[in-house]
């Protein structure tokens, strides 16, 4: 089952006893702050869930039909916590 944003917000609002509007604002604020921290190069660690960080992939040469230079880029990395990994074993 896939839970979309509206379903997630409704479920969280019900569990917390908040309105859907307040919960949506809370989620939006949380995500905005997370993005800002990641843009500043900080690692975000959520206890029992995992950590997020932006890593730089180095420049490399791709060889398919022809050799191409692939420029360096930033990628978002997520590493689940051991607690979360254990729940899915």
N, C-alpha and C. Protein backbone atom coordinates (compact mmCIF):
# COMPACT_ATOMS: atom_id res chain seq x y z
N UNK A 1 0.83 -1.18 0.00
CA UNK A 1 0.00 0.00 0.00
C UNK A 1 0.89 1.25 0.00
N UNK A 2 0.55 2.20 -0.81
CA UNK A 2 1.25 3.47 -0.86
C UNK A 2 0.38 4.53 -0.20
N UNK A 3 0.99 5.32 0.66
CA UNK A 3 0.26 6.39 1.34
C UNK A 3 0.69 7.72 0.71
N UNK A 4 -0.28 8.45 0.18
CA UNK A 4 0.06 9.75 -0.41
C UNK A 4 0.13 10.83 0.68
N UNK A 5 0.51 12.04 0.28
CA UNK A 5 0.69 13.13 1.22
C UNK A 5 -0.59 13.45 2.01
N UNK A 6 -1.72 13.47 1.32
CA UNK A 6 -2.99 13.79 1.98
C UNK A 6 -3.34 12.74 3.03
N UNK A 7 -3.16 11.47 2.69
CA UNK A 7 -3.45 10.39 3.63
C UNK A 7 -2.51 10.43 4.83
N UNK A 8 -1.22 10.69 4.56
CA UNK A 8 -0.24 10.78 5.63
C UNK A 8 -0.58 11.92 6.59
N UNK A 9 -0.90 13.07 6.02
CA UNK A 9 -1.25 14.25 6.84
C UNK A 9 -2.49 13.97 7.68
N UNK A 10 -3.50 13.36 7.09
CA UNK A 10 -4.74 13.03 7.82
C UNK A 10 -4.47 12.05 8.95
N UNK A 11 -3.69 11.03 8.68
CA UNK A 11 -3.36 10.02 9.69
C UNK A 11 -2.59 10.65 10.85
N UNK A 12 -1.60 11.47 10.52
CA UNK A 12 -0.80 12.12 11.55
C UNK A 12 -1.65 13.10 12.37
N UNK A 13 -2.52 13.85 11.71
CA UNK A 13 -3.41 14.79 12.42
C UNK A 13 -4.30 14.05 13.41
N UNK A 14 -4.82 12.92 12.98
CA UNK A 14 -5.69 12.12 13.86
C UNK A 14 -4.92 11.61 15.06
N UNK A 15 -3.70 11.11 14.83
CA UNK A 15 -2.89 10.59 15.94
C UNK A 15 -2.48 11.67 16.93
N UNK A 16 -2.18 12.88 16.41
CA UNK A 16 -1.72 13.96 17.27
C UNK A 16 -2.86 14.78 17.87
N UNK A 17 -4.05 14.66 17.30
CA UNK A 17 -5.18 15.45 17.77
C UNK A 17 -5.15 16.88 17.27
N UNK A 18 -4.47 17.11 16.15
CA UNK A 18 -4.39 18.44 15.53
C UNK A 18 -5.33 18.49 14.34
N UNK A 19 -5.55 19.70 13.84
CA UNK A 19 -6.33 19.82 12.61
C UNK A 19 -5.43 19.43 11.45
N UNK A 20 -6.06 19.10 10.33
CA UNK A 20 -5.29 18.75 9.14
C UNK A 20 -4.46 19.94 8.68
N UNK A 21 -5.03 21.15 8.76
CA UNK A 21 -4.31 22.36 8.35
C UNK A 21 -3.06 22.56 9.21
N UNK A 22 -3.20 22.45 10.54
CA UNK A 22 -2.05 22.62 11.45
C UNK A 22 -0.99 21.55 11.20
N UNK A 23 -1.44 20.34 10.96
CA UNK A 23 -0.51 19.25 10.71
C UNK A 23 0.23 19.46 9.40
N UNK A 24 -0.46 19.92 8.36
CA UNK A 24 0.17 20.20 7.08
C UNK A 24 1.22 21.30 7.23
N UNK A 25 0.92 22.33 8.02
CA UNK A 25 1.88 23.41 8.28
C UNK A 25 3.09 22.89 9.05
N UNK A 26 2.84 22.01 10.01
CA UNK A 26 3.92 21.41 10.79
C UNK A 26 4.86 20.60 9.90
N UNK A 27 4.28 19.77 9.04
CA UNK A 27 5.07 18.95 8.11
C UNK A 27 5.85 19.85 7.16
N UNK A 28 5.20 20.87 6.62
CA UNK A 28 5.85 21.80 5.70
C UNK A 28 7.02 22.51 6.36
N UNK A 29 6.84 22.94 7.59
CA UNK A 29 7.89 23.63 8.34
C UNK A 29 9.07 22.68 8.61
N UNK A 30 8.76 21.47 9.00
CA UNK A 30 9.79 20.47 9.28
C UNK A 30 10.63 20.20 8.02
N UNK A 31 9.96 19.96 6.91
CA UNK A 31 10.67 19.67 5.66
C UNK A 31 11.47 20.87 5.19
N UNK A 32 10.93 22.06 5.33
CA UNK A 32 11.64 23.27 4.94
C UNK A 32 12.92 23.44 5.76
N UNK A 33 12.83 23.21 7.06
CA UNK A 33 14.01 23.31 7.93
C UNK A 33 15.03 22.23 7.59
N UNK A 34 14.56 21.03 7.27
CA UNK A 34 15.48 19.96 6.88
C UNK A 34 16.23 20.31 5.60
N UNK A 35 15.52 20.83 4.62
CA UNK A 35 16.14 21.23 3.36
C UNK A 35 17.19 22.31 3.60
N UNK A 36 16.85 23.28 4.44
CA UNK A 36 17.79 24.37 4.74
C UNK A 36 19.07 23.82 5.38
N UNK A 37 18.92 22.92 6.33
CA UNK A 37 20.09 22.32 6.99
C UNK A 37 20.95 21.53 5.99
N UNK A 38 20.30 20.78 5.11
CA UNK A 38 21.04 20.00 4.12
C UNK A 38 21.76 20.92 3.14
N UNK A 39 21.11 22.02 2.75
CA UNK A 39 21.75 22.98 1.84
C UNK A 39 22.99 23.60 2.48
N UNK A 40 22.99 23.73 3.80
CA UNK A 40 24.14 24.29 4.51
C UNK A 40 25.23 23.25 4.75
N UNK A 41 24.99 22.02 4.30
CA UNK A 41 26.00 20.97 4.44
C UNK A 41 25.93 20.19 5.74
N UNK A 42 24.88 20.37 6.49
CA UNK A 42 24.73 19.67 7.77
C UNK A 42 24.10 18.29 7.57
N UNK A 43 24.43 17.39 8.48
CA UNK A 43 23.83 16.06 8.50
C UNK A 43 22.65 16.11 9.45
N UNK A 44 21.54 15.48 9.06
CA UNK A 44 20.36 15.41 9.91
C UNK A 44 20.21 13.96 10.38
N UNK A 45 20.28 13.77 11.70
CA UNK A 45 20.13 12.43 12.27
C UNK A 45 18.84 12.40 13.09
N UNK A 46 17.95 11.48 12.75
CA UNK A 46 16.69 11.31 13.47
C UNK A 46 16.79 9.98 14.22
N UNK A 47 16.84 10.07 15.55
CA UNK A 47 17.02 8.89 16.37
C UNK A 47 15.95 7.83 16.07
N UNK A 48 16.39 6.62 15.84
CA UNK A 48 15.48 5.51 15.57
C UNK A 48 14.99 5.46 14.13
N UNK A 49 15.37 6.43 13.31
CA UNK A 49 14.93 6.46 11.91
C UNK A 49 16.10 6.40 10.95
N UNK A 50 17.05 7.32 11.10
CA UNK A 50 18.21 7.31 10.22
C UNK A 50 18.80 8.69 10.05
N UNK A 51 19.72 8.80 9.10
CA UNK A 51 20.37 10.09 8.87
C UNK A 51 20.36 10.46 7.39
N UNK A 52 20.30 11.76 7.16
CA UNK A 52 20.30 12.32 5.81
C UNK A 52 21.53 13.20 5.67
N UNK A 53 22.17 13.15 4.52
CA UNK A 53 23.26 14.08 4.24
C UNK A 53 23.43 14.24 2.75
N UNK A 54 24.04 15.35 2.37
CA UNK A 54 24.32 15.62 0.96
C UNK A 54 25.78 15.24 0.72
N UNK A 55 26.00 14.39 -0.27
CA UNK A 55 27.35 13.96 -0.60
C UNK A 55 27.68 14.44 -2.01
N UNK A 56 28.97 14.65 -2.23
CA UNK A 56 29.42 15.09 -3.55
C UNK A 56 29.96 13.89 -4.30
N UNK A 57 29.37 13.62 -5.47
CA UNK A 57 29.88 12.57 -6.34
C UNK A 57 30.95 13.18 -7.22
N UNK A 58 32.07 12.52 -7.30
CA UNK A 58 33.21 13.04 -8.05
C UNK A 58 32.96 12.98 -9.56
N UNK A 59 33.73 13.79 -10.26
CA UNK A 59 33.70 13.76 -11.73
C UNK A 59 34.19 12.38 -12.17
N UNK A 60 33.60 11.85 -13.22
CA UNK A 60 34.00 10.52 -13.69
C UNK A 60 33.81 10.43 -15.19
N UNK A 61 34.37 9.37 -15.75
CA UNK A 61 34.23 9.11 -17.19
C UNK A 61 33.26 7.95 -17.35
N UNK A 62 32.22 8.18 -18.14
CA UNK A 62 31.22 7.15 -18.43
C UNK A 62 31.57 6.53 -19.78
N UNK A 63 31.58 5.21 -19.80
CA UNK A 63 31.87 4.52 -21.05
C UNK A 63 30.65 3.70 -21.44
N UNK A 64 29.97 4.14 -22.47
CA UNK A 64 28.87 3.36 -23.04
C UNK A 64 29.22 3.21 -24.52
N UNK A 65 28.47 3.80 -25.41
CA UNK A 65 28.83 3.76 -26.82
C UNK A 65 30.02 4.66 -27.10
N UNK A 66 30.13 5.71 -26.28
CA UNK A 66 31.28 6.60 -26.40
C UNK A 66 31.68 7.07 -25.02
N UNK A 67 32.89 7.55 -24.89
CA UNK A 67 33.37 8.04 -23.60
C UNK A 67 32.82 9.45 -23.36
N UNK A 68 32.27 9.65 -22.17
CA UNK A 68 31.72 10.96 -21.83
C UNK A 68 32.20 11.35 -20.44
N UNK A 69 32.48 12.61 -20.25
CA UNK A 69 32.86 13.13 -18.95
C UNK A 69 31.59 13.52 -18.20
N UNK A 70 31.38 12.90 -17.06
CA UNK A 70 30.21 13.20 -16.23
C UNK A 70 30.67 14.16 -15.14
N UNK A 71 30.10 15.36 -15.08
CA UNK A 71 30.55 16.35 -14.10
C UNK A 71 30.20 15.94 -12.67
N UNK A 72 30.89 16.53 -11.69
CA UNK A 72 30.55 16.22 -10.29
C UNK A 72 29.15 16.74 -9.97
N UNK A 73 28.51 16.11 -9.00
CA UNK A 73 27.18 16.58 -8.60
C UNK A 73 26.93 16.25 -7.14
N UNK A 74 25.96 16.92 -6.56
CA UNK A 74 25.55 16.67 -5.19
C UNK A 74 24.36 15.73 -5.18
N UNK A 75 24.39 14.74 -4.28
CA UNK A 75 23.29 13.79 -4.18
C UNK A 75 22.87 13.65 -2.72
N UNK A 76 21.59 13.45 -2.50
CA UNK A 76 21.05 13.26 -1.16
C UNK A 76 21.21 11.79 -0.78
N UNK A 77 21.74 11.56 0.40
CA UNK A 77 21.98 10.21 0.88
C UNK A 77 21.17 9.97 2.15
N UNK A 78 20.56 8.79 2.25
CA UNK A 78 19.83 8.40 3.46
C UNK A 78 20.39 7.08 3.95
N UNK A 79 20.68 7.01 5.23
CA UNK A 79 21.15 5.76 5.83
C UNK A 79 20.23 5.44 7.01
N UNK A 80 19.48 4.33 6.92
CA UNK A 80 18.56 3.99 8.01
C UNK A 80 19.32 3.62 9.28
N UNK A 81 18.68 3.85 10.42
CA UNK A 81 19.28 3.49 11.71
C UNK A 81 19.25 1.98 11.88
N UNK A 82 20.08 1.47 12.79
CA UNK A 82 20.08 0.04 13.06
C UNK A 82 18.74 -0.41 13.62
N UNK A 83 18.10 0.45 14.41
CA UNK A 83 16.78 0.14 14.98
C UNK A 83 15.76 -0.09 13.86
N UNK A 84 15.76 0.78 12.87
CA UNK A 84 14.83 0.66 11.76
C UNK A 84 15.16 -0.58 10.91
N UNK A 85 16.45 -0.82 10.68
CA UNK A 85 16.86 -2.00 9.91
C UNK A 85 16.36 -3.28 10.59
N UNK A 86 16.49 -3.32 11.91
CA UNK A 86 16.09 -4.51 12.67
C UNK A 86 14.59 -4.78 12.57
N UNK A 87 13.78 -3.74 12.42
CA UNK A 87 12.33 -3.91 12.31
C UNK A 87 11.93 -4.60 11.01
N UNK A 88 12.78 -4.52 10.00
CA UNK A 88 12.45 -5.09 8.70
C UNK A 88 13.16 -6.39 8.40
N UNK A 89 13.83 -6.95 9.40
CA UNK A 89 14.50 -8.25 9.21
C UNK A 89 13.52 -9.38 9.34
